[in-house]
N, C-alpha and C. Protein backbone atom coordinates (compact mmCIF):
# COMPACT_ATOMS: atom_id res chain seq x y z
N MET A 1 -2.51 10.13 -0.42
CA MET A 1 -3.66 9.97 -1.00
C MET A 1 -4.12 11.51 -0.90
N ILE A 2 -4.66 11.94 -2.37
CA ILE A 2 -4.81 13.29 -2.00
C ILE A 2 -6.65 13.19 -2.28
N PRO A 3 -7.26 14.08 -1.37
CA PRO A 3 -8.72 13.61 -0.56
C PRO A 3 -9.33 14.24 -2.36
N PRO A 4 -10.91 13.59 -1.96
CA PRO A 4 -11.82 13.78 -3.12
C PRO A 4 -12.35 15.35 -3.57
N GLY A 5 -11.92 15.99 -4.76
CA GLY A 5 -11.93 17.24 -4.47
C GLY A 5 -10.72 18.24 -4.23
N GLY A 6 -9.76 17.08 -4.19
CA GLY A 6 -8.27 18.27 -4.02
C GLY A 6 -7.75 19.14 -4.39
N SER A 7 -7.64 20.05 -3.99
CA SER A 7 -7.59 20.91 -5.07
C SER A 7 -6.21 21.53 -5.41
N ALA A 8 -5.83 22.56 -6.04
CA ALA A 8 -4.31 22.65 -6.40
C ALA A 8 -3.64 23.23 -4.90
N GLU A 9 -4.39 23.85 -4.15
CA GLU A 9 -3.77 24.45 -2.42
C GLU A 9 -3.17 22.90 -2.27
N PHE A 10 -3.60 22.11 -2.11
CA PHE A 10 -3.34 20.72 -1.62
C PHE A 10 -2.53 19.99 -2.00
N VAL A 11 -2.10 20.44 -3.42
CA VAL A 11 -1.09 19.77 -4.17
C VAL A 11 -0.01 20.71 -4.15
N ALA A 12 -0.23 21.70 -3.98
CA ALA A 12 0.96 22.65 -3.58
C ALA A 12 1.86 22.54 -2.39
N ALA A 13 0.94 22.28 -1.05
CA ALA A 13 1.44 22.16 -0.12
C ALA A 13 2.19 20.55 0.32
N MET A 14 1.12 19.73 -0.21
CA MET A 14 2.04 18.62 -0.14
C MET A 14 3.01 18.23 -1.04
N GLU A 15 3.70 18.83 -2.13
CA GLU A 15 4.74 19.34 -2.42
C GLU A 15 6.02 19.86 -1.77
N ARG A 16 5.39 20.77 -1.17
CA ARG A 16 6.18 21.32 -0.08
C ARG A 16 7.02 20.62 1.25
N VAL A 17 5.37 20.06 0.97
CA VAL A 17 6.69 18.85 2.64
C VAL A 17 7.30 18.04 1.82
N LEU A 18 6.88 17.52 0.72
CA LEU A 18 8.28 15.97 -0.29
C LEU A 18 9.58 16.52 -0.23
N ASP A 19 8.71 18.11 -0.62
CA ASP A 19 10.96 18.34 -0.72
C ASP A 19 11.52 18.28 -0.19
N VAL A 20 10.76 19.03 1.68
CA VAL A 20 11.56 19.11 2.48
C VAL A 20 11.91 17.73 3.14
N TYR A 21 11.01 16.56 2.92
CA TYR A 21 11.31 14.99 3.09
C TYR A 21 12.79 15.34 2.34
N ARG A 22 13.34 15.36 1.39
CA ARG A 22 14.06 15.16 0.02
C ARG A 22 15.08 15.61 1.05
N ARG A 23 14.99 16.20 1.73
CA ARG A 23 16.82 17.00 2.25
C ARG A 23 17.71 16.11 2.60
N PRO A 24 19.17 16.22 1.98
CA PRO A 24 19.96 15.34 2.73
C PRO A 24 20.33 15.56 4.38
N TYR A 25 20.37 15.10 5.04
CA TYR A 25 20.62 15.18 6.53
C TYR A 25 21.59 15.95 6.79
N ASP A 26 21.39 17.25 7.75
CA ASP A 26 22.65 18.32 8.10
C ASP A 26 22.08 18.69 9.54
N GLY A 27 23.05 18.33 10.10
CA GLY A 27 23.13 18.59 11.34
C GLY A 27 22.63 19.63 12.24
N ALA A 28 23.22 20.99 10.77
CA ALA A 28 22.98 22.43 11.68
C ALA A 28 22.27 23.35 10.89
N ASN A 29 20.75 22.14 10.27
CA ASN A 29 19.27 22.53 9.60
C ASN A 29 18.62 21.30 9.77
N PRO A 30 18.68 20.77 10.96
CA PRO A 30 17.65 19.27 11.21
C PRO A 30 16.60 19.61 10.97
N VAL A 31 15.61 18.63 10.35
CA VAL A 31 13.93 18.43 9.91
C VAL A 31 13.84 17.86 10.62
N MET A 32 12.35 18.45 11.34
CA MET A 32 11.72 18.01 12.54
C MET A 32 10.13 17.68 11.75
N CYS A 33 9.47 17.06 12.86
CA CYS A 33 7.80 17.05 12.68
C CYS A 33 7.53 17.25 14.22
N MET A 34 6.53 17.88 14.10
CA MET A 34 5.52 17.96 15.20
C MET A 34 4.16 17.61 15.18
N ASP A 35 3.78 16.84 16.28
CA ASP A 35 2.72 16.83 16.25
C ASP A 35 1.66 16.30 17.73
N GLU A 36 0.71 16.44 18.43
CA GLU A 36 -0.06 16.54 19.01
C GLU A 36 -1.25 15.19 19.48
N THR A 37 -1.26 14.76 20.53
CA THR A 37 -2.85 13.86 20.92
C THR A 37 -3.12 13.66 22.08
N PRO A 38 -4.99 13.85 22.85
CA PRO A 38 -5.26 14.09 23.67
C PRO A 38 -5.06 12.24 24.17
N ARG A 39 -5.19 12.39 25.73
CA ARG A 39 -5.19 11.43 26.06
C ARG A 39 -6.20 11.86 27.00
N GLN A 40 -7.30 10.20 27.17
CA GLN A 40 -7.82 10.20 28.28
C GLN A 40 -7.26 8.97 29.36
N LEU A 41 -7.54 9.99 30.67
CA LEU A 41 -6.93 8.98 32.02
C LEU A 41 -7.64 8.53 32.54
N ILE A 42 -7.36 6.65 32.57
CA ILE A 42 -8.04 6.18 33.04
C ILE A 42 -7.67 5.28 34.09
N ARG A 43 -8.63 5.03 35.65
CA ARG A 43 -8.35 4.72 36.35
C ARG A 43 -9.42 2.86 36.40
N GLU A 44 -8.30 1.96 37.04
CA GLU A 44 -9.46 1.18 36.87
C GLU A 44 -10.37 0.89 38.13
N THR A 45 -11.39 0.04 38.21
CA THR A 45 -12.64 0.43 39.40
C THR A 45 -12.43 -1.20 39.83
N ARG A 46 -11.89 -1.66 39.44
CA ARG A 46 -12.02 -3.07 39.97
C ARG A 46 -10.53 -3.96 39.47
N SER A 47 -9.58 -4.88 40.51
CA SER A 47 -8.39 -5.32 40.12
C SER A 47 -8.85 -5.99 38.94
N PRO A 48 -7.27 -6.41 38.26
CA PRO A 48 -6.99 -6.84 36.74
C PRO A 48 -7.08 -8.46 37.48
N LEU A 49 -7.79 -9.17 36.51
CA LEU A 49 -7.88 -10.94 36.96
C LEU A 49 -6.22 -11.30 36.72
N LEU A 50 -5.45 -11.59 37.48
CA LEU A 50 -4.23 -12.35 36.66
C LEU A 50 -4.43 -13.42 36.39
N PRO A 51 -3.73 -13.56 34.73
CA PRO A 51 -3.88 -14.34 33.55
C PRO A 51 -3.53 -15.69 34.19
N GLY A 52 -4.18 -16.25 33.81
CA GLY A 52 -3.71 -18.23 33.98
C GLY A 52 -2.23 -18.74 32.16
N PRO A 53 -1.97 -19.40 32.80
CA PRO A 53 -1.32 -20.15 31.49
C PRO A 53 -1.88 -19.93 30.39
N GLY A 54 -1.13 -19.26 29.20
CA GLY A 54 -1.38 -18.90 27.79
C GLY A 54 -2.40 -17.94 27.84
N ARG A 55 -3.09 -17.71 29.04
CA ARG A 55 -3.72 -16.48 28.49
C ARG A 55 -3.39 -14.55 29.09
N VAL A 56 -4.21 -13.59 28.60
CA VAL A 56 -3.99 -12.54 28.62
C VAL A 56 -4.80 -11.91 30.18
N GLN A 57 -3.90 -10.52 30.43
CA GLN A 57 -4.77 -10.18 31.55
C GLN A 57 -6.20 -9.62 30.81
N ARG A 58 -7.26 -9.97 32.13
CA ARG A 58 -8.31 -9.80 31.98
C ARG A 58 -8.80 -8.55 32.67
N HIS A 59 -9.49 -7.17 32.27
CA HIS A 59 -9.68 -6.08 33.31
C HIS A 59 -11.66 -5.75 32.59
N ASP A 60 -11.88 -6.15 33.41
CA ASP A 60 -13.08 -5.00 33.96
C ASP A 60 -13.36 -4.14 33.26
N TYR A 61 -14.84 -4.24 32.32
CA TYR A 61 -15.29 -3.30 31.44
C TYR A 61 -15.30 -1.38 31.91
N GLU A 62 -15.35 -1.75 33.29
CA GLU A 62 -16.34 -0.68 33.96
C GLU A 62 -14.88 -0.07 34.56
N TYR A 63 -14.59 1.55 34.77
CA TYR A 63 -13.30 2.52 34.66
C TYR A 63 -13.87 3.46 35.21
N GLU A 64 -12.94 4.33 35.66
CA GLU A 64 -13.11 5.98 35.50
C GLU A 64 -12.27 6.48 34.93
N ARG A 65 -12.82 8.13 33.91
CA ARG A 65 -12.66 8.89 33.54
C ARG A 65 -11.65 9.50 34.62
N CYS A 66 -10.59 9.70 34.51
CA CYS A 66 -10.00 11.13 35.71
C CYS A 66 -9.63 11.40 34.85
N GLY A 67 -10.21 12.19 33.62
CA GLY A 67 -9.39 13.65 32.77
C GLY A 67 -8.71 13.37 32.34
N VAL A 68 -8.07 14.94 31.16
CA VAL A 68 -8.08 14.61 30.08
C VAL A 68 -6.34 15.45 29.54
N CYS A 69 -5.32 14.94 28.91
CA CYS A 69 -4.58 15.36 28.70
C CYS A 69 -4.30 15.70 27.15
N ASN A 70 -2.28 16.01 27.06
CA ASN A 70 -1.96 16.73 25.97
C ASN A 70 -0.74 16.02 26.07
N VAL A 71 -0.44 15.12 24.77
CA VAL A 71 1.29 14.39 24.70
C VAL A 71 1.83 15.57 23.38
N PHE A 72 2.86 16.14 23.19
CA PHE A 72 3.10 16.55 22.77
C PHE A 72 4.15 15.76 22.15
N MET A 73 4.36 15.32 20.43
CA MET A 73 5.61 14.77 20.05
C MET A 73 5.97 16.15 18.76
N ALA A 74 7.67 15.27 18.84
CA ALA A 74 9.00 16.07 17.90
C ALA A 74 9.63 14.95 17.45
N THR A 75 9.56 14.77 16.71
CA THR A 75 11.03 13.19 15.78
C THR A 75 11.59 14.36 14.74
N GLU A 76 13.28 14.01 14.71
CA GLU A 76 13.70 14.40 13.79
C GLU A 76 13.92 12.34 12.45
N PRO A 77 13.15 12.79 12.10
CA PRO A 77 12.98 11.09 11.03
C PRO A 77 14.50 10.76 10.54
N LEU A 78 15.28 11.64 10.13
CA LEU A 78 16.64 10.86 9.95
C LEU A 78 17.70 10.76 10.79
N ALA A 79 17.16 11.40 12.12
CA ALA A 79 18.08 10.98 13.48
C ALA A 79 17.83 9.47 13.35
N GLY A 80 16.01 9.11 14.00
CA GLY A 80 15.60 8.48 14.43
C GLY A 80 15.79 8.40 16.25
N THR A 81 15.50 10.07 16.24
CA THR A 81 14.54 10.39 17.91
C THR A 81 14.39 11.25 18.07
N ARG A 82 13.86 11.30 19.16
CA ARG A 82 12.06 12.07 19.38
C ARG A 82 12.32 12.94 20.32
N MET A 83 11.16 13.74 20.78
CA MET A 83 10.97 14.57 22.14
C MET A 83 9.35 14.17 22.32
N THR A 84 9.59 14.40 23.46
CA THR A 84 7.94 14.36 23.79
C THR A 84 7.81 15.35 24.92
N LYS A 85 6.03 15.10 25.26
CA LYS A 85 5.93 16.46 27.18
C LYS A 85 4.88 16.41 26.57
N VAL A 86 4.17 15.84 28.22
CA VAL A 86 2.60 15.73 28.68
C VAL A 86 2.10 17.40 28.99
N THR A 87 1.56 17.41 29.23
CA THR A 87 0.67 18.60 29.39
C THR A 87 -0.57 18.92 29.55
N ASP A 88 -1.24 19.60 30.43
CA ASP A 88 -2.52 19.58 30.85
C ASP A 88 -3.75 19.88 30.07
N ARG A 89 -3.36 20.99 29.53
CA ARG A 89 -3.60 21.26 28.26
C ARG A 89 -3.22 21.16 26.75
N LYS A 90 -3.55 21.33 25.68
CA LYS A 90 -2.94 21.70 24.51
C LYS A 90 -3.32 23.18 24.07
N THR A 91 -2.81 23.99 24.27
CA THR A 91 -3.40 25.47 24.09
C THR A 91 -2.14 26.85 23.32
N LYS A 92 -2.11 27.72 22.83
CA LYS A 92 -1.43 28.26 21.80
C LYS A 92 -0.22 28.56 22.60
N ILE A 93 -0.09 28.35 24.28
CA ILE A 93 1.38 28.76 24.83
C ILE A 93 1.80 27.53 25.36
N ASP A 94 1.10 26.48 25.66
CA ASP A 94 1.46 25.33 25.52
C ASP A 94 2.69 24.81 24.35
N TRP A 95 1.86 24.69 23.10
CA TRP A 95 2.89 24.33 21.58
C TRP A 95 3.87 25.67 21.75
N ALA A 96 3.46 27.10 22.55
CA ALA A 96 4.88 27.80 22.58
C ALA A 96 6.09 27.23 22.74
N GLN A 97 5.66 26.71 24.69
CA GLN A 97 6.58 26.61 24.65
C GLN A 97 7.52 24.96 24.94
N PHE A 98 6.86 24.02 23.94
CA PHE A 98 7.34 22.98 24.06
C PHE A 98 8.14 23.45 22.69
N LEU A 99 7.81 24.87 21.42
CA LEU A 99 9.05 25.41 20.98
C LEU A 99 10.15 25.74 21.56
N GLN A 100 9.64 26.20 22.23
CA GLN A 100 11.27 26.35 23.07
C GLN A 100 12.24 25.75 23.92
N ASP A 101 11.48 24.42 24.11
CA ASP A 101 12.11 22.83 24.75
C ASP A 101 13.08 22.23 23.09
N ILE A 102 12.35 22.69 22.35
CA ILE A 102 12.85 22.17 20.85
C ILE A 102 14.65 22.74 21.13
N ALA A 103 13.87 24.12 20.15
CA ALA A 103 14.84 25.08 20.27
C ALA A 103 16.42 24.65 21.57
N GLU A 104 15.72 24.84 22.77
CA GLU A 104 17.05 24.81 23.54
C GLU A 104 17.85 23.17 23.46
N ARG A 105 17.43 21.90 22.90
CA ARG A 105 17.83 21.01 22.43
C ARG A 105 18.26 21.10 21.61
N TYR A 106 18.49 21.90 20.23
CA TYR A 106 18.88 21.84 19.37
C TYR A 106 19.77 23.19 19.16
N THR A 107 20.40 23.18 20.42
CA THR A 107 21.08 24.50 20.24
C THR A 107 21.84 25.12 19.63
N ASP A 108 22.99 24.29 18.85
CA ASP A 108 23.69 24.13 17.96
C ASP A 108 23.25 24.19 16.64
N ALA A 109 22.21 24.07 16.28
CA ALA A 109 21.47 24.49 14.82
C ALA A 109 21.32 26.05 14.89
N GLU A 110 21.79 25.90 12.95
CA GLU A 110 21.54 27.53 12.91
C GLU A 110 19.74 27.37 13.25
N ARG A 111 18.73 26.71 11.63
CA ARG A 111 17.87 26.38 11.84
C ARG A 111 16.73 25.33 11.71
N ILE A 112 16.02 25.40 12.33
CA ILE A 112 15.01 23.98 12.86
C ILE A 112 13.67 24.19 11.59
N THR A 113 13.65 23.36 10.63
CA THR A 113 12.75 23.09 9.41
C THR A 113 11.82 21.92 10.44
N LEU A 114 10.50 22.61 10.82
CA LEU A 114 9.42 21.98 11.33
C LEU A 114 7.98 21.84 10.70
N ILE A 115 8.23 20.67 10.58
CA ILE A 115 7.23 20.00 9.97
C ILE A 115 5.65 20.00 10.90
N MET A 116 4.33 20.23 10.40
CA MET A 116 3.45 20.36 11.37
C MET A 116 2.22 20.58 10.76
N ASP A 117 0.60 19.83 11.80
CA ASP A 117 -0.33 20.57 10.86
C ASP A 117 -0.95 21.68 11.04
N ASN A 118 -1.82 21.90 10.10
CA ASN A 118 -2.61 23.66 9.79
C ASN A 118 -3.16 23.53 11.08
N LEU A 119 -2.69 23.71 12.23
CA LEU A 119 -3.64 24.59 12.71
C LEU A 119 -3.80 26.06 12.93
N ASN A 120 -4.77 26.38 14.17
CA ASN A 120 -4.70 28.06 13.66
C ASN A 120 -3.71 27.64 15.87
N THR A 121 -3.56 26.89 16.16
CA THR A 121 -2.75 26.93 17.73
C THR A 121 -1.37 26.88 16.85
N HIS A 122 -0.93 26.83 15.78
CA HIS A 122 0.58 26.26 15.50
C HIS A 122 0.62 27.62 14.49
N ARG A 123 0.80 28.92 14.84
CA ARG A 123 0.83 29.76 14.48
C ARG A 123 2.19 30.89 15.03
N PRO A 124 2.67 31.74 14.24
CA PRO A 124 4.15 32.30 15.21
C PRO A 124 3.50 33.32 16.29
N GLY A 125 1.99 33.79 16.26
CA GLY A 125 2.03 34.97 16.99
C GLY A 125 1.45 34.29 18.47
N ALA A 126 1.50 32.83 18.36
CA ALA A 126 1.04 32.19 19.71
C ALA A 126 2.36 32.61 20.74
N LEU A 127 3.93 32.20 19.64
CA LEU A 127 5.14 32.94 20.73
C LEU A 127 4.95 33.80 21.35
N TYR A 128 4.16 35.08 20.29
CA TYR A 128 4.17 36.45 20.86
C TYR A 128 3.48 36.14 22.55
N GLU A 129 2.22 35.85 22.26
CA GLU A 129 1.16 35.47 23.57
C GLU A 129 2.21 34.65 24.81
N ALA A 130 3.45 33.88 24.06
CA ALA A 130 4.39 33.22 25.47
C ALA A 130 5.09 34.21 25.55
N PHE A 131 5.85 34.30 25.45
CA PHE A 131 7.13 35.06 25.60
C PHE A 131 7.06 36.73 24.51
N PRO A 132 7.93 37.48 25.82
CA PRO A 132 8.30 38.90 25.47
C PRO A 132 8.53 38.98 24.21
N PRO A 133 8.53 40.15 23.81
CA PRO A 133 8.01 40.38 21.82
C PRO A 133 10.00 39.72 21.62
N ASP A 134 11.26 40.58 22.25
CA ASP A 134 12.37 40.01 21.94
C ASP A 134 12.70 38.78 21.73
N GLN A 135 12.15 37.62 22.48
CA GLN A 135 12.33 36.24 23.16
C GLN A 135 11.73 35.68 22.18
N ALA A 136 10.07 35.91 21.60
CA ALA A 136 9.80 35.70 21.24
C ALA A 136 10.15 35.51 19.58
N LYS A 137 10.55 36.44 18.69
CA LYS A 137 11.48 36.99 17.65
C LYS A 137 12.21 35.87 17.63
N ALA A 138 13.16 35.81 18.92
CA ALA A 138 14.59 35.60 18.99
C ALA A 138 14.02 33.45 18.36
N LEU A 139 12.91 33.59 18.67
CA LEU A 139 12.58 31.54 18.72
C LEU A 139 12.02 31.35 17.53
N TRP A 140 11.23 32.17 17.09
CA TRP A 140 10.59 32.31 16.00
C TRP A 140 11.88 32.21 14.67
N ASP A 141 12.82 32.76 15.02
CA ASP A 141 13.78 32.86 14.14
C ASP A 141 14.71 31.47 13.88
N ARG A 142 14.48 30.81 15.12
CA ARG A 142 15.32 29.64 14.66
C ARG A 142 14.70 28.32 13.81
N PHE A 143 13.24 28.79 13.44
CA PHE A 143 12.33 27.89 12.90
C PHE A 143 12.06 28.69 11.72
N GLU A 144 11.83 27.50 10.72
CA GLU A 144 11.25 27.54 9.43
C GLU A 144 10.20 26.32 9.43
N PHE A 145 8.77 26.90 9.94
CA PHE A 145 7.59 25.93 9.37
C PHE A 145 7.27 26.14 8.28
N VAL A 146 6.96 24.47 8.08
CA VAL A 146 6.09 24.12 6.56
C VAL A 146 5.22 23.39 7.41
N TYR A 147 3.91 24.05 6.90
CA TYR A 147 2.29 22.91 7.05
C TYR A 147 1.78 22.03 6.18
N THR A 148 1.70 20.74 7.26
CA THR A 148 0.53 20.19 5.94
C THR A 148 -0.52 20.54 5.33
N PRO A 149 -0.77 19.97 4.41
CA PRO A 149 -2.14 20.30 3.87
C PRO A 149 -2.99 19.63 4.31
N LYS A 150 -4.66 20.66 4.71
CA LYS A 150 -5.96 20.31 5.35
C LYS A 150 -5.99 19.62 4.94
N HIS A 151 -6.24 18.33 6.05
CA HIS A 151 -6.55 16.69 5.57
C HIS A 151 -5.51 16.21 4.90
N GLY A 152 -4.56 16.44 5.61
CA GLY A 152 -2.99 15.48 4.18
C GLY A 152 -2.80 15.64 6.00
N SER A 153 -3.06 15.11 7.10
CA SER A 153 -1.69 15.16 8.88
C SER A 153 -0.89 13.69 8.01
N TRP A 154 -1.53 13.12 7.10
CA TRP A 154 -0.76 11.41 7.36
C TRP A 154 0.70 11.98 6.73
N LEU A 155 0.79 12.90 6.01
CA LEU A 155 2.00 13.83 5.84
C LEU A 155 3.22 13.72 6.56
N ASN A 156 2.38 13.80 7.84
CA ASN A 156 3.36 14.37 8.85
C ASN A 156 3.90 12.72 9.54
N VAL A 157 5.34 12.85 9.73
CA VAL A 157 6.09 11.61 10.44
C VAL A 157 5.48 11.78 12.03
N ALA A 158 5.26 12.49 12.70
CA ALA A 158 5.52 12.41 13.72
C ALA A 158 3.89 12.34 14.54
N GLU A 159 3.20 12.27 13.22
CA GLU A 159 1.37 11.41 13.64
C GLU A 159 1.95 9.74 13.72
N ILE A 160 2.70 9.33 12.43
CA ILE A 160 2.93 8.25 13.01
C ILE A 160 3.92 7.96 14.07
N GLU A 161 4.65 8.40 14.22
CA GLU A 161 5.64 8.39 15.63
C GLU A 161 4.58 8.41 16.57
N LEU A 162 3.98 9.22 16.62
CA LEU A 162 2.38 8.96 17.99
C LEU A 162 1.79 7.43 17.71
N ASN A 163 1.49 7.23 16.72
CA ASN A 163 0.67 6.04 16.94
C ASN A 163 1.44 4.63 17.28
N VAL A 164 2.99 4.70 17.11
CA VAL A 164 4.00 4.00 17.50
C VAL A 164 3.40 3.56 18.82
N MET A 165 4.20 5.34 19.57
CA MET A 165 3.76 5.16 20.72
C MET A 165 2.80 4.98 21.46
N ILE A 166 1.60 5.38 21.36
CA ILE A 166 0.24 4.97 21.49
C ILE A 166 0.31 2.79 21.02
N SER A 167 0.14 2.26 20.74
CA SER A 167 0.68 1.15 20.21
C SER A 167 1.38 -0.01 21.64
N GLN A 168 2.91 0.95 21.65
CA GLN A 168 3.66 0.22 22.01
C GLN A 168 3.69 0.70 23.22
N CYS A 169 2.80 1.46 24.17
CA CYS A 169 3.29 2.50 25.31
C CYS A 169 1.84 2.48 26.10
N LEU A 170 1.13 3.33 25.58
CA LEU A 170 -0.06 3.28 26.10
C LEU A 170 -1.23 2.43 25.58
N ASN A 171 -1.54 1.40 25.74
CA ASN A 171 -2.20 0.77 25.41
C ASN A 171 -2.61 0.00 26.28
N ARG A 172 -2.70 0.70 27.15
CA ARG A 172 -3.48 0.30 28.82
C ARG A 172 -4.35 1.38 29.80
N ARG A 173 -4.52 0.98 31.23
CA ARG A 173 -5.38 2.09 31.48
C ARG A 173 -4.38 2.89 32.27
N ILE A 174 -4.05 4.31 32.38
CA ILE A 174 -3.19 4.90 33.09
C ILE A 174 -4.13 6.34 33.78
N ASP A 175 -4.20 6.59 35.09
CA ASP A 175 -4.65 7.17 35.94
C ASP A 175 -3.77 9.02 36.55
N THR A 176 -3.25 8.15 35.74
CA THR A 176 -2.27 10.29 35.98
C THR A 176 -1.79 10.44 35.69
N ILE A 177 -1.30 12.01 35.37
CA ILE A 177 -0.30 11.56 34.51
C ILE A 177 1.87 12.23 34.78
N ALA A 178 1.66 12.00 36.25
CA ALA A 178 2.81 11.23 36.23
C ALA A 178 2.90 10.18 36.04
N GLN A 179 2.39 9.28 36.01
CA GLN A 179 2.34 7.93 35.56
C GLN A 179 2.64 7.90 34.21
N LEU A 180 2.02 8.97 33.17
CA LEU A 180 2.07 8.60 31.93
C LEU A 180 2.80 9.39 31.49
N ARG A 181 3.74 9.97 31.96
CA ARG A 181 5.06 10.77 32.09
C ARG A 181 6.43 9.56 31.69
N GLU A 182 6.07 8.87 33.10
CA GLU A 182 7.05 8.13 33.46
C GLU A 182 7.19 7.00 32.46
N GLN A 183 5.66 6.41 31.69
CA GLN A 183 5.88 5.48 30.82
C GLN A 183 6.33 6.07 29.45
N ILE A 184 5.75 7.01 29.13
CA ILE A 184 6.06 7.61 27.66
C ILE A 184 7.84 8.30 27.97
N SER A 185 8.19 8.50 28.89
CA SER A 185 9.67 8.86 28.98
C SER A 185 10.71 7.13 29.03
N ALA A 186 10.50 6.30 29.80
CA ALA A 186 10.99 5.23 29.63
C ALA A 186 10.92 4.46 28.31
N TRP A 187 9.48 4.78 27.35
CA TRP A 187 8.96 4.45 25.92
C TRP A 187 10.14 5.24 25.26
N GLN A 188 10.78 6.45 25.49
CA GLN A 188 10.76 7.84 24.33
C GLN A 188 13.02 6.82 24.91
N VAL A 189 13.20 6.79 25.73
CA VAL A 189 14.70 6.37 25.37
C VAL A 189 15.08 5.34 25.08
N ARG A 190 14.11 3.75 25.12
CA ARG A 190 14.61 2.77 24.54
C ARG A 190 14.06 3.31 23.22
N ARG A 191 13.46 3.84 22.61
CA ARG A 191 13.48 4.05 21.18
C ARG A 191 14.50 4.89 20.89
N ASP A 192 14.89 6.08 21.19
CA ASP A 192 15.52 6.39 20.73
C ASP A 192 17.19 5.52 21.04
N GLN A 193 17.49 5.04 21.98
CA GLN A 193 18.28 4.22 21.85
C GLN A 193 18.84 2.69 20.69
N LEU A 194 17.57 2.83 20.49
CA LEU A 194 17.43 1.86 18.81
C LEU A 194 17.53 2.50 17.52
N GLN A 195 17.68 4.10 18.21
CA GLN A 195 17.70 4.34 16.78
C GLN A 195 16.70 4.58 15.68
N ALA A 196 15.60 4.40 16.03
CA ALA A 196 13.75 3.64 15.83
C ALA A 196 13.92 4.56 14.76
N LYS A 197 13.80 4.28 13.36
CA LYS A 197 13.64 4.93 12.50
C LYS A 197 11.99 4.96 11.79
N VAL A 198 11.16 5.71 11.11
CA VAL A 198 9.49 5.35 10.71
C VAL A 198 10.20 5.21 9.10
N ASN A 199 9.25 4.60 8.73
CA ASN A 199 9.70 4.01 6.82
C ASN A 199 8.41 4.90 6.20
N ASP A 200 7.60 6.26 6.28
CA ASP A 200 6.71 6.20 5.56
C ASP A 200 6.07 6.40 3.61
N GLY A 201 7.71 5.86 3.52
CA GLY A 201 7.64 5.54 1.84
C GLY A 201 8.42 6.99 1.65
N SER A 202 8.79 8.30 2.59
CA SER A 202 8.99 9.10 1.69
C SER A 202 10.23 9.08 1.19
N PRO A 203 10.66 9.66 -0.12
CA PRO A 203 12.26 9.30 -0.57
C PRO A 203 13.34 10.33 0.46
N ARG A 204 14.14 10.24 1.35
CA ARG A 204 15.00 10.08 1.67
C ARG A 204 16.26 9.83 1.37
N LYS A 205 17.10 10.11 0.81
CA LYS A 205 18.38 9.91 0.17
C LYS A 205 19.41 9.53 1.39
N THR A 206 19.65 10.33 2.15
CA THR A 206 20.47 10.42 3.20
C THR A 206 19.89 10.43 5.21
N ARG A 207 20.53 9.77 5.80
CA ARG A 207 19.53 9.59 6.60
C ARG A 207 21.57 10.09 7.68
N ALA A 208 21.47 10.06 9.24
CA ALA A 208 21.83 10.49 10.00
C ALA A 208 22.81 9.55 10.44
N PRO A 209 24.28 9.48 10.43
CA PRO A 209 25.30 8.62 10.80
C PRO A 209 25.02 8.57 12.16
N SER A 210 25.20 6.47 11.99
CA SER A 210 24.68 6.11 13.24
C SER A 210 25.53 6.37 14.37
């Protein structure tokens, strides 16, 4: 849906994203989507009550905040695979290092098309803040950046994938980054084994071979 007062710039950016989603699967030029979300670490102050027959576990309303971290998500919609990374913060450097992780996983790809939200941290200059110039340029050349329109993050399949992760994996209190990483890693392995794909209504003619 185009927001009220949507401009020609919004429509142009939206059409660009949709055109990318229409591309057939190409292992040499994969289409990926990237997003991130903050996560509040929360510790129980009292042990949850054990559930009786037919009842769910009950948690006390009191809890202790243990800080905030960040979860990066990159997904290849046609392949039904994803990558995740939990970081202490969400900075330009963290984003650049996550792109390096993506490039290292897709070493055989000629170029990676990356759909992402139009944020000030998602800019090529961040690569030059994180790496020496030659390395930054080489990494930048591995990618084609495609930005969703402002107020159009719903076009990003990675946002949907994050919501799936939150509902299936993070719907409980987790108090340490180590535990969060463990839970997300296990969820990712299971979902990759299923080659689970998001059906967001975008027209995609060809999926990756199973």
